[in-house]
Amino acid sequence: MAGEIEIFKMEKSQDAMKIEELKRSLAHLQNHLAEPSILKPPAGHSDLEKNLKTETKYLRDELREQERLQEAKMRLREQENENRSALHLEQEGKELQEKLDEQETVISVPSGRAGRQAPASGEGRCKATGSSTLGQVTPHPPGQSCDRFWLPAL
């Protein structure tokens, strides 16, 4: 990205020099046209004057085109920067989503219960209902209690 910025700066500098050169040429031609000609014939335009007017028009058009191109380059650079920013935000969003998914996975598997060994005989039964608690992940319905849970090893 730093290389692209340097390239853009060089292009901008070159464009600015070209614009200045065109402005100087245009000013020179306009001054030349404004000077009264001693040998100017009384009627019609001389070939030189016609050529100068043609060249002046060409330089004005060239100047406008260079300015238009420079503005287009600036808009393009701005759009590229916006696209890079949007891409960066999208990547950050994906990374954050992945971290969130990882945290949700860790939270959904309680760390203290996973991988416990089966209780000795007589254990693993709910004292309130007498039912087996082996393999249960959730507590009993309201009103019933059990003081231990069993999660199979993953």
N, C-alpha and C. Protein backbone atom coordinates (compact mmCIF):
# COMPACT_ATOMS: atom_id res chain seq x y z
N MET A 1 0.83 -1.17 0.00
CA MET A 1 0.00 0.00 0.00
C MET A 1 0.88 1.25 0.00
N ALA A 2 2.01 1.22 0.72
CA ALA A 2 2.91 2.37 0.76
C ALA A 2 3.49 2.61 -0.64
N GLY A 3 3.77 1.53 -1.38
CA GLY A 3 4.27 1.66 -2.74
C GLY A 3 3.26 2.33 -3.65
N GLU A 4 1.98 1.97 -3.48
CA GLU A 4 0.94 2.57 -4.29
C GLU A 4 0.82 4.07 -4.00
N ILE A 5 0.97 4.42 -2.74
CA ILE A 5 0.88 5.83 -2.36
C ILE A 5 2.01 6.61 -3.03
N GLU A 6 3.22 6.05 -3.02
CA GLU A 6 4.34 6.72 -3.66
C GLU A 6 4.10 6.88 -5.17
N ILE A 7 3.56 5.84 -5.79
CA ILE A 7 3.25 5.91 -7.23
C ILE A 7 2.23 7.02 -7.49
N PHE A 8 1.18 7.08 -6.65
CA PHE A 8 0.16 8.10 -6.81
C PHE A 8 0.76 9.49 -6.61
N LYS A 9 1.66 9.64 -5.64
CA LYS A 9 2.29 10.94 -5.43
C LYS A 9 3.12 11.35 -6.64
N MET A 10 3.86 10.38 -7.21
CA MET A 10 4.66 10.68 -8.40
C MET A 10 3.77 11.09 -9.57
N GLU A 11 2.67 10.33 -9.76
CA GLU A 11 1.75 10.65 -10.85
C GLU A 11 1.15 12.04 -10.65
N LYS A 12 0.79 12.34 -9.41
CA LYS A 12 0.21 13.65 -9.11
C LYS A 12 1.21 14.75 -9.42
N SER A 13 2.45 14.54 -9.03
CA SER A 13 3.50 15.53 -9.29
C SER A 13 3.70 15.71 -10.79
N GLN A 14 3.74 14.61 -11.53
CA GLN A 14 3.91 14.69 -12.97
C GLN A 14 2.73 15.41 -13.62
N ASP A 15 1.52 15.08 -13.15
CA ASP A 15 0.32 15.74 -13.68
C ASP A 15 0.36 17.24 -13.39
N ALA A 16 0.79 17.60 -12.19
CA ALA A 16 0.86 19.02 -11.83
C ALA A 16 1.88 19.75 -12.72
N MET A 17 3.02 19.10 -12.99
CA MET A 17 4.02 19.73 -13.86
C MET A 17 3.48 19.90 -15.28
N LYS A 18 2.76 18.89 -15.77
CA LYS A 18 2.18 18.95 -17.12
C LYS A 18 1.16 20.08 -17.20
N ILE A 19 0.35 20.22 -16.14
CA ILE A 19 -0.66 21.28 -16.11
C ILE A 19 0.02 22.65 -16.12
N GLU A 20 1.05 22.81 -15.32
CA GLU A 20 1.77 24.08 -15.29
C GLU A 20 2.39 24.39 -16.65
N GLU A 21 2.95 23.37 -17.29
CA GLU A 21 3.55 23.56 -18.61
C GLU A 21 2.48 24.00 -19.61
N LEU A 22 1.31 23.37 -19.56
CA LEU A 22 0.23 23.74 -20.47
C LEU A 22 -0.26 25.16 -20.19
N LYS A 23 -0.32 25.52 -18.91
CA LYS A 23 -0.75 26.87 -18.57
C LYS A 23 0.24 27.91 -19.11
N ARG A 24 1.55 27.62 -18.97
CA ARG A 24 2.57 28.55 -19.49
C ARG A 24 2.45 28.68 -21.01
N SER A 25 2.27 27.55 -21.69
CA SER A 25 2.14 27.59 -23.14
C SER A 25 0.91 28.38 -23.55
N LEU A 26 -0.18 28.18 -22.84
CA LEU A 26 -1.41 28.89 -23.13
C LEU A 26 -1.22 30.39 -22.90
N ALA A 27 -0.60 30.76 -21.80
CA ALA A 27 -0.37 32.18 -21.51
C ALA A 27 0.53 32.80 -22.58
N HIS A 28 1.56 32.07 -22.98
CA HIS A 28 2.47 32.58 -24.02
C HIS A 28 1.71 32.82 -25.33
N LEU A 29 0.88 31.86 -25.71
CA LEU A 29 0.12 32.01 -26.95
C LEU A 29 -0.89 33.14 -26.85
N GLN A 30 -1.52 33.29 -25.69
CA GLN A 30 -2.48 34.38 -25.53
C GLN A 30 -1.77 35.74 -25.60
N ASN A 31 -0.60 35.82 -24.99
CA ASN A 31 0.18 37.06 -25.08
C ASN A 31 0.58 37.35 -26.52
N HIS A 32 0.96 36.31 -27.20
CA HIS A 32 1.38 36.47 -28.60
C HIS A 32 0.20 36.95 -29.45
N LEU A 33 -0.99 36.41 -29.18
CA LEU A 33 -2.17 36.85 -29.93
C LEU A 33 -2.54 38.29 -29.58
N ALA A 34 -2.31 38.70 -28.35
CA ALA A 34 -2.70 40.04 -27.92
C ALA A 34 -1.79 41.12 -28.49
N GLU A 35 -0.56 40.78 -28.86
CA GLU A 35 0.37 41.77 -29.40
C GLU A 35 -0.09 42.18 -30.80
N PRO A 36 -0.09 43.45 -31.03
CA PRO A 36 -0.49 43.90 -32.37
C PRO A 36 0.61 43.55 -33.40
N SER A 37 0.18 43.11 -34.51
CA SER A 37 1.13 42.74 -35.56
C SER A 37 1.33 43.92 -36.50
N ILE A 38 2.57 44.21 -36.75
CA ILE A 38 2.90 45.33 -37.63
C ILE A 38 2.54 44.99 -39.08
N LEU A 39 2.78 43.76 -39.45
CA LEU A 39 2.54 43.35 -40.82
C LEU A 39 1.14 42.77 -41.02
N LYS A 40 0.28 43.03 -40.07
CA LYS A 40 -1.05 42.45 -40.15
C LYS A 40 -1.83 43.06 -41.31
N PRO A 41 -2.31 42.16 -42.17
CA PRO A 41 -3.11 42.69 -43.27
C PRO A 41 -4.44 43.21 -42.74
N PRO A 42 -5.02 44.19 -43.36
CA PRO A 42 -6.23 44.81 -42.87
C PRO A 42 -7.45 43.88 -42.91
N ALA A 43 -7.52 42.97 -43.80
CA ALA A 43 -8.71 42.13 -43.89
C ALA A 43 -8.32 40.67 -43.68
N GLY A 44 -9.18 39.92 -42.93
CA GLY A 44 -9.00 38.48 -42.74
C GLY A 44 -7.89 38.14 -41.75
N HIS A 45 -7.80 36.87 -41.44
CA HIS A 45 -6.80 36.38 -40.49
C HIS A 45 -5.64 35.76 -41.24
N SER A 46 -4.46 36.01 -40.73
CA SER A 46 -3.29 35.40 -41.34
C SER A 46 -3.21 33.92 -40.96
N ASP A 47 -2.43 33.19 -41.70
CA ASP A 47 -2.24 31.77 -41.40
C ASP A 47 -1.64 31.57 -40.02
N LEU A 48 -0.72 32.45 -39.64
CA LEU A 48 -0.09 32.35 -38.34
C LEU A 48 -1.12 32.52 -37.23
N GLU A 49 -1.99 33.51 -37.38
CA GLU A 49 -3.02 33.76 -36.38
C GLU A 49 -3.97 32.57 -36.29
N LYS A 50 -4.35 32.02 -37.42
CA LYS A 50 -5.23 30.84 -37.43
C LYS A 50 -4.54 29.67 -36.73
N ASN A 51 -3.27 29.48 -37.02
CA ASN A 51 -2.52 28.39 -36.38
C ASN A 51 -2.42 28.60 -34.87
N LEU A 52 -2.18 29.85 -34.48
CA LEU A 52 -2.08 30.14 -33.05
C LEU A 52 -3.42 29.92 -32.33
N LYS A 53 -4.49 30.31 -32.97
CA LYS A 53 -5.81 30.09 -32.38
C LYS A 53 -6.11 28.59 -32.27
N THR A 54 -5.74 27.85 -33.29
CA THR A 54 -5.94 26.40 -33.27
C THR A 54 -5.12 25.77 -32.14
N GLU A 55 -3.86 26.19 -32.04
CA GLU A 55 -2.98 25.67 -30.99
C GLU A 55 -3.50 26.05 -29.60
N THR A 56 -4.00 27.28 -29.47
CA THR A 56 -4.55 27.73 -28.19
C THR A 56 -5.76 26.87 -27.79
N LYS A 57 -6.63 26.64 -28.75
CA LYS A 57 -7.79 25.80 -28.47
C LYS A 57 -7.36 24.40 -28.06
N TYR A 58 -6.38 23.86 -28.78
CA TYR A 58 -5.87 22.52 -28.46
C TYR A 58 -5.31 22.48 -27.03
N LEU A 59 -4.53 23.50 -26.67
CA LEU A 59 -3.93 23.54 -25.33
C LEU A 59 -4.99 23.70 -24.25
N ARG A 60 -6.01 24.50 -24.51
CA ARG A 60 -7.11 24.62 -23.53
C ARG A 60 -7.80 23.28 -23.34
N ASP A 61 -8.08 22.61 -24.43
CA ASP A 61 -8.73 21.29 -24.35
C ASP A 61 -7.83 20.30 -23.60
N GLU A 62 -6.54 20.34 -23.90
CA GLU A 62 -5.59 19.44 -23.24
C GLU A 62 -5.54 19.72 -21.74
N LEU A 63 -5.54 20.99 -21.38
CA LEU A 63 -5.52 21.38 -19.98
C LEU A 63 -6.78 20.87 -19.27
N ARG A 64 -7.93 21.07 -19.87
CA ARG A 64 -9.18 20.57 -19.28
C ARG A 64 -9.15 19.05 -19.11
N GLU A 65 -8.62 18.36 -20.10
CA GLU A 65 -8.54 16.89 -20.05
C GLU A 65 -7.61 16.45 -18.91
N GLN A 66 -6.46 17.12 -18.78
CA GLN A 66 -5.53 16.77 -17.70
C GLN A 66 -6.17 17.01 -16.33
N GLU A 67 -6.87 18.11 -16.18
CA GLU A 67 -7.55 18.40 -14.91
C GLU A 67 -8.63 17.36 -14.64
N ARG A 68 -9.38 17.00 -15.66
CA ARG A 68 -10.43 15.98 -15.51
C ARG A 68 -9.81 14.64 -15.10
N LEU A 69 -8.70 14.26 -15.74
CA LEU A 69 -8.03 13.01 -15.40
C LEU A 69 -7.50 13.03 -13.98
N GLN A 70 -6.95 14.15 -13.56
CA GLN A 70 -6.44 14.24 -12.20
C GLN A 70 -7.57 14.10 -11.18
N GLU A 71 -8.69 14.72 -11.44
CA GLU A 71 -9.85 14.59 -10.55
C GLU A 71 -10.35 13.15 -10.53
N ALA A 72 -10.37 12.49 -11.67
CA ALA A 72 -10.81 11.10 -11.74
C ALA A 72 -9.86 10.20 -10.94
N LYS A 73 -8.55 10.47 -11.03
CA LYS A 73 -7.59 9.68 -10.25
C LYS A 73 -7.82 9.85 -8.76
N MET A 74 -8.11 11.08 -8.35
CA MET A 74 -8.35 11.33 -6.93
C MET A 74 -9.61 10.60 -6.46
N ARG A 75 -10.66 10.63 -7.26
CA ARG A 75 -11.89 9.92 -6.89
C ARG A 75 -11.62 8.41 -6.82
N LEU A 76 -10.83 7.90 -7.76
CA LEU A 76 -10.49 6.48 -7.78
C LEU A 76 -9.70 6.11 -6.52
N ARG A 77 -8.73 6.93 -6.15
CA ARG A 77 -7.95 6.65 -4.94
C ARG A 77 -8.84 6.66 -3.71
N GLU A 78 -9.76 7.62 -3.64
CA GLU A 78 -10.68 7.68 -2.51
C GLU A 78 -11.54 6.42 -2.45
N GLN A 79 -12.03 5.98 -3.60
CA GLN A 79 -12.86 4.77 -3.66
C GLN A 79 -12.04 3.54 -3.23
N GLU A 80 -10.78 3.47 -3.70
CA GLU A 80 -9.93 2.34 -3.31
C GLU A 80 -9.70 2.33 -1.81
N ASN A 81 -9.48 3.51 -1.22
CA ASN A 81 -9.29 3.60 0.23
C ASN A 81 -10.55 3.16 0.97
N GLU A 82 -11.71 3.57 0.47
CA GLU A 82 -12.97 3.16 1.10
C GLU A 82 -13.15 1.65 0.98
N ASN A 83 -12.81 1.10 -0.18
CA ASN A 83 -12.93 -0.35 -0.36
C ASN A 83 -11.99 -1.10 0.57
N ARG A 84 -10.75 -0.59 0.72
CA ARG A 84 -9.80 -1.23 1.64
C ARG A 84 -10.33 -1.17 3.07
N SER A 85 -10.88 -0.03 3.45
CA SER A 85 -11.42 0.12 4.80
C SER A 85 -12.58 -0.85 5.02
N ALA A 86 -13.45 -0.95 4.04
CA ALA A 86 -14.59 -1.87 4.16
C ALA A 86 -14.11 -3.31 4.25
N LEU A 87 -13.13 -3.67 3.44
CA LEU A 87 -12.58 -5.03 3.48
C LEU A 87 -11.94 -5.30 4.83
N HIS A 88 -11.21 -4.33 5.35
CA HIS A 88 -10.56 -4.48 6.66
C HIS A 88 -11.62 -4.69 7.74
N LEU A 89 -12.69 -3.88 7.71
CA LEU A 89 -13.76 -4.03 8.69
C LEU A 89 -14.44 -5.39 8.57
N GLU A 90 -14.63 -5.85 7.34
CA GLU A 90 -15.25 -7.16 7.13
C GLU A 90 -14.37 -8.27 7.70
N GLN A 91 -13.06 -8.16 7.47
CA GLN A 91 -12.14 -9.17 8.01
C GLN A 91 -12.14 -9.14 9.53
N GLU A 92 -12.14 -7.94 10.11
CA GLU A 92 -12.19 -7.84 11.57
C GLU A 92 -13.49 -8.45 12.09
N GLY A 93 -14.58 -8.20 11.40
CA GLY A 93 -15.87 -8.78 11.80
C GLY A 93 -15.84 -10.30 11.77
N LYS A 94 -15.24 -10.87 10.73
CA LYS A 94 -15.13 -12.32 10.64
C LYS A 94 -14.28 -12.88 11.78
N GLU A 95 -13.16 -12.19 12.07
CA GLU A 95 -12.29 -12.65 13.15
C GLU A 95 -13.02 -12.58 14.48
N LEU A 96 -13.75 -11.50 14.71
CA LEU A 96 -14.50 -11.37 15.96
C LEU A 96 -15.60 -12.44 16.05
N GLN A 97 -16.24 -12.73 14.91
CA GLN A 97 -17.28 -13.76 14.91
C GLN A 97 -16.68 -15.12 15.22
N GLU A 98 -15.49 -15.40 14.65
CA GLU A 98 -14.82 -16.67 14.94
C GLU A 98 -14.48 -16.77 16.42
N LYS A 99 -13.97 -15.67 17.00
CA LYS A 99 -13.66 -15.68 18.43
C LYS A 99 -14.92 -15.90 19.26
N LEU A 100 -16.01 -15.24 18.86
CA LEU A 100 -17.26 -15.40 19.57
C LEU A 100 -17.74 -16.84 19.48
N ASP A 101 -17.65 -17.43 18.28
CA ASP A 101 -18.06 -18.82 18.10
C ASP A 101 -17.22 -19.75 18.98
N GLU A 102 -15.91 -19.48 19.06
CA GLU A 102 -15.03 -20.29 19.91
C GLU A 102 -15.43 -20.16 21.36
N GLN A 103 -15.74 -18.94 21.80
CA GLN A 103 -16.13 -18.73 23.19
C GLN A 103 -17.46 -19.42 23.48
N GLU A 104 -18.39 -19.35 22.54
CA GLU A 104 -19.67 -20.02 22.73
C GLU A 104 -19.48 -21.53 22.82
N THR A 105 -18.55 -22.06 22.04
CA THR A 105 -18.27 -23.49 22.09
C THR A 105 -17.69 -23.85 23.46
N VAL A 106 -16.79 -23.05 23.97
CA VAL A 106 -16.18 -23.31 25.28
C VAL A 106 -17.24 -23.21 26.36
N ILE A 107 -18.12 -22.23 26.28
CA ILE A 107 -19.16 -22.06 27.29
C ILE A 107 -20.15 -23.20 27.24
N SER A 108 -20.48 -23.73 26.07
CA SER A 108 -21.49 -24.78 25.97
C SER A 108 -20.98 -26.12 26.48
N VAL A 109 -19.69 -26.29 26.64
CA VAL A 109 -19.12 -27.52 27.20
C VAL A 109 -18.48 -27.14 28.53
N PRO A 110 -19.20 -27.34 29.67
CA PRO A 110 -18.64 -26.95 30.96
C PRO A 110 -17.33 -27.68 31.21
N SER A 111 -16.29 -26.93 31.55
CA SER A 111 -14.96 -27.50 31.65
C SER A 111 -14.81 -28.39 32.87
N GLY A 112 -15.48 -28.12 33.95
CA GLY A 112 -15.30 -28.92 35.16
C GLY A 112 -15.99 -30.26 35.12
N ARG A 113 -16.89 -30.49 34.21
CA ARG A 113 -17.67 -31.72 34.20
C ARG A 113 -17.25 -32.69 33.11
N ALA A 114 -16.64 -32.20 32.08
CA ALA A 114 -16.30 -33.06 30.96
C ALA A 114 -15.20 -34.03 31.36
N GLY A 115 -15.36 -35.28 30.97
CA GLY A 115 -14.32 -36.28 31.15
C GLY A 115 -14.30 -36.93 32.53
N ARG A 116 -15.33 -36.75 33.35
CA ARG A 116 -15.34 -37.40 34.67
C ARG A 116 -15.59 -38.89 34.51
N GLN A 117 -15.09 -39.62 35.42
CA GLN A 117 -15.28 -41.08 35.41
C GLN A 117 -16.66 -41.42 35.97
N ALA A 118 -17.13 -42.58 35.61
CA ALA A 118 -18.43 -43.04 36.11
C ALA A 118 -18.35 -43.21 37.62
N PRO A 119 -19.41 -42.83 38.33
CA PRO A 119 -19.39 -42.96 39.79
C PRO A 119 -19.41 -44.44 40.21
N ALA A 120 -19.00 -44.67 41.42
CA ALA A 120 -19.03 -46.04 41.96
C ALA A 120 -20.48 -46.49 42.07
N SER A 121 -20.71 -47.80 42.25
CA SER A 121 -22.08 -48.32 42.29
C SER A 121 -22.86 -47.63 43.39
N GLY A 122 -24.11 -47.35 43.10
CA GLY A 122 -24.97 -46.65 44.03
C GLY A 122 -24.95 -45.15 43.80
N GLU A 123 -23.85 -44.68 43.23
CA GLU A 123 -23.81 -43.27 42.91
C GLU A 123 -24.40 -43.08 41.52
N GLY A 124 -24.72 -41.86 41.15
CA GLY A 124 -25.28 -41.60 39.85
C GLY A 124 -26.78 -41.74 39.84
N ARG A 125 -27.38 -41.83 41.03
CA ARG A 125 -28.83 -41.88 41.14
C ARG A 125 -29.31 -40.64 41.86
N CYS A 126 -30.40 -40.09 41.38
CA CYS A 126 -30.98 -38.92 42.01
C CYS A 126 -31.56 -39.33 43.35
N LYS A 127 -31.19 -38.60 44.38
CA LYS A 127 -31.70 -38.94 45.71
C LYS A 127 -33.18 -38.63 45.82
N ALA A 128 -33.66 -37.65 45.05
CA ALA A 128 -35.07 -37.27 45.14
C ALA A 128 -35.96 -38.25 44.37
N THR A 129 -35.55 -38.70 43.19
CA THR A 129 -36.42 -39.51 42.35
C THR A 129 -35.95 -40.94 42.23
N GLY A 130 -34.71 -41.20 42.55
CA GLY A 130 -34.17 -42.54 42.40
C GLY A 130 -33.78 -42.87 40.98
N SER A 131 -33.97 -41.92 40.04
CA SER A 131 -33.64 -42.18 38.65
C SER A 131 -32.15 -41.98 38.43
N SER A 132 -31.65 -42.56 37.34
CA SER A 132 -30.23 -42.47 37.01
C SER A 132 -29.92 -41.06 36.53
N THR A 133 -28.79 -40.54 36.99
CA THR A 133 -28.33 -39.22 36.54
C THR A 133 -27.21 -39.36 35.52
N LEU A 134 -26.86 -40.59 35.15
CA LEU A 134 -25.78 -40.79 34.19
C LEU A 134 -26.17 -40.23 32.83
N GLY A 135 -25.27 -39.45 32.27
CA GLY A 135 -25.49 -38.89 30.94
C GLY A 135 -26.34 -37.65 30.91
N GLN A 136 -26.90 -37.22 32.07
CA GLN A 136 -27.72 -36.02 32.07
C GLN A 136 -26.86 -34.78 32.02
N VAL A 137 -27.33 -33.81 31.27
CA VAL A 137 -26.60 -32.55 31.15
C VAL A 137 -27.38 -31.46 31.86
N THR A 138 -28.70 -31.56 31.89
CA THR A 138 -29.52 -30.50 32.47
C THR A 138 -30.08 -30.98 33.81
N PRO A 139 -30.42 -30.05 34.69
CA PRO A 139 -30.98 -30.44 35.99
C PRO A 139 -32.39 -31.00 35.83
N HIS A 140 -32.89 -31.59 36.89
CA HIS A 140 -34.25 -32.12 36.91
C HIS A 140 -35.26 -31.00 36.78
N PRO A 141 -36.51 -31.32 36.46
CA PRO A 141 -37.55 -30.29 36.38
C PRO A 141 -37.73 -29.59 37.73
N PRO A 142 -38.34 -28.41 37.74
CA PRO A 142 -38.54 -27.69 38.99
C PRO A 142 -39.27 -28.55 40.01
N GLY A 143 -38.90 -28.40 41.25
CA GLY A 143 -39.52 -29.18 42.32
C GLY A 143 -38.77 -30.46 42.61
N GLN A 144 -37.93 -30.91 41.76
CA GLN A 144 -37.12 -32.10 41.98
C GLN A 144 -35.67 -31.66 42.05
N SER A 145 -34.89 -32.33 42.85
CA SER A 145 -33.50 -31.92 42.95
C SER A 145 -32.59 -33.12 42.87
N CYS A 146 -31.38 -32.84 42.51
CA CYS A 146 -30.36 -33.86 42.47
C CYS A 146 -29.05 -33.14 42.75
N ASP A 147 -28.21 -33.69 43.59
CA ASP A 147 -27.00 -32.97 43.97
C ASP A 147 -25.81 -33.26 43.07
N ARG A 148 -25.94 -34.08 42.04
CA ARG A 148 -24.82 -34.30 41.14
C ARG A 148 -25.31 -34.59 39.73
N PHE A 149 -24.46 -34.32 38.79
CA PHE A 149 -24.75 -34.57 37.38
C PHE A 149 -23.63 -35.40 36.82
N TRP A 150 -23.92 -36.09 35.77
CA TRP A 150 -22.92 -36.91 35.10
C TRP A 150 -22.86 -36.52 33.65
N LEU A 151 -21.68 -36.16 33.18
CA LEU A 151 -21.45 -35.86 31.76
C LEU A 151 -20.49 -36.89 31.24
N PRO A 152 -20.81 -37.58 30.16
CA PRO A 152 -19.87 -38.56 29.62
C PRO A 152 -18.62 -37.86 29.08
N ALA A 153 -17.53 -38.59 29.05
CA ALA A 153 -16.28 -38.04 28.51
C ALA A 153 -16.46 -37.76 27.02
N LEU A 154 -15.92 -36.67 26.56
CA LEU A 154 -16.05 -36.29 25.15
C LEU A 154 -14.89 -36.80 24.34
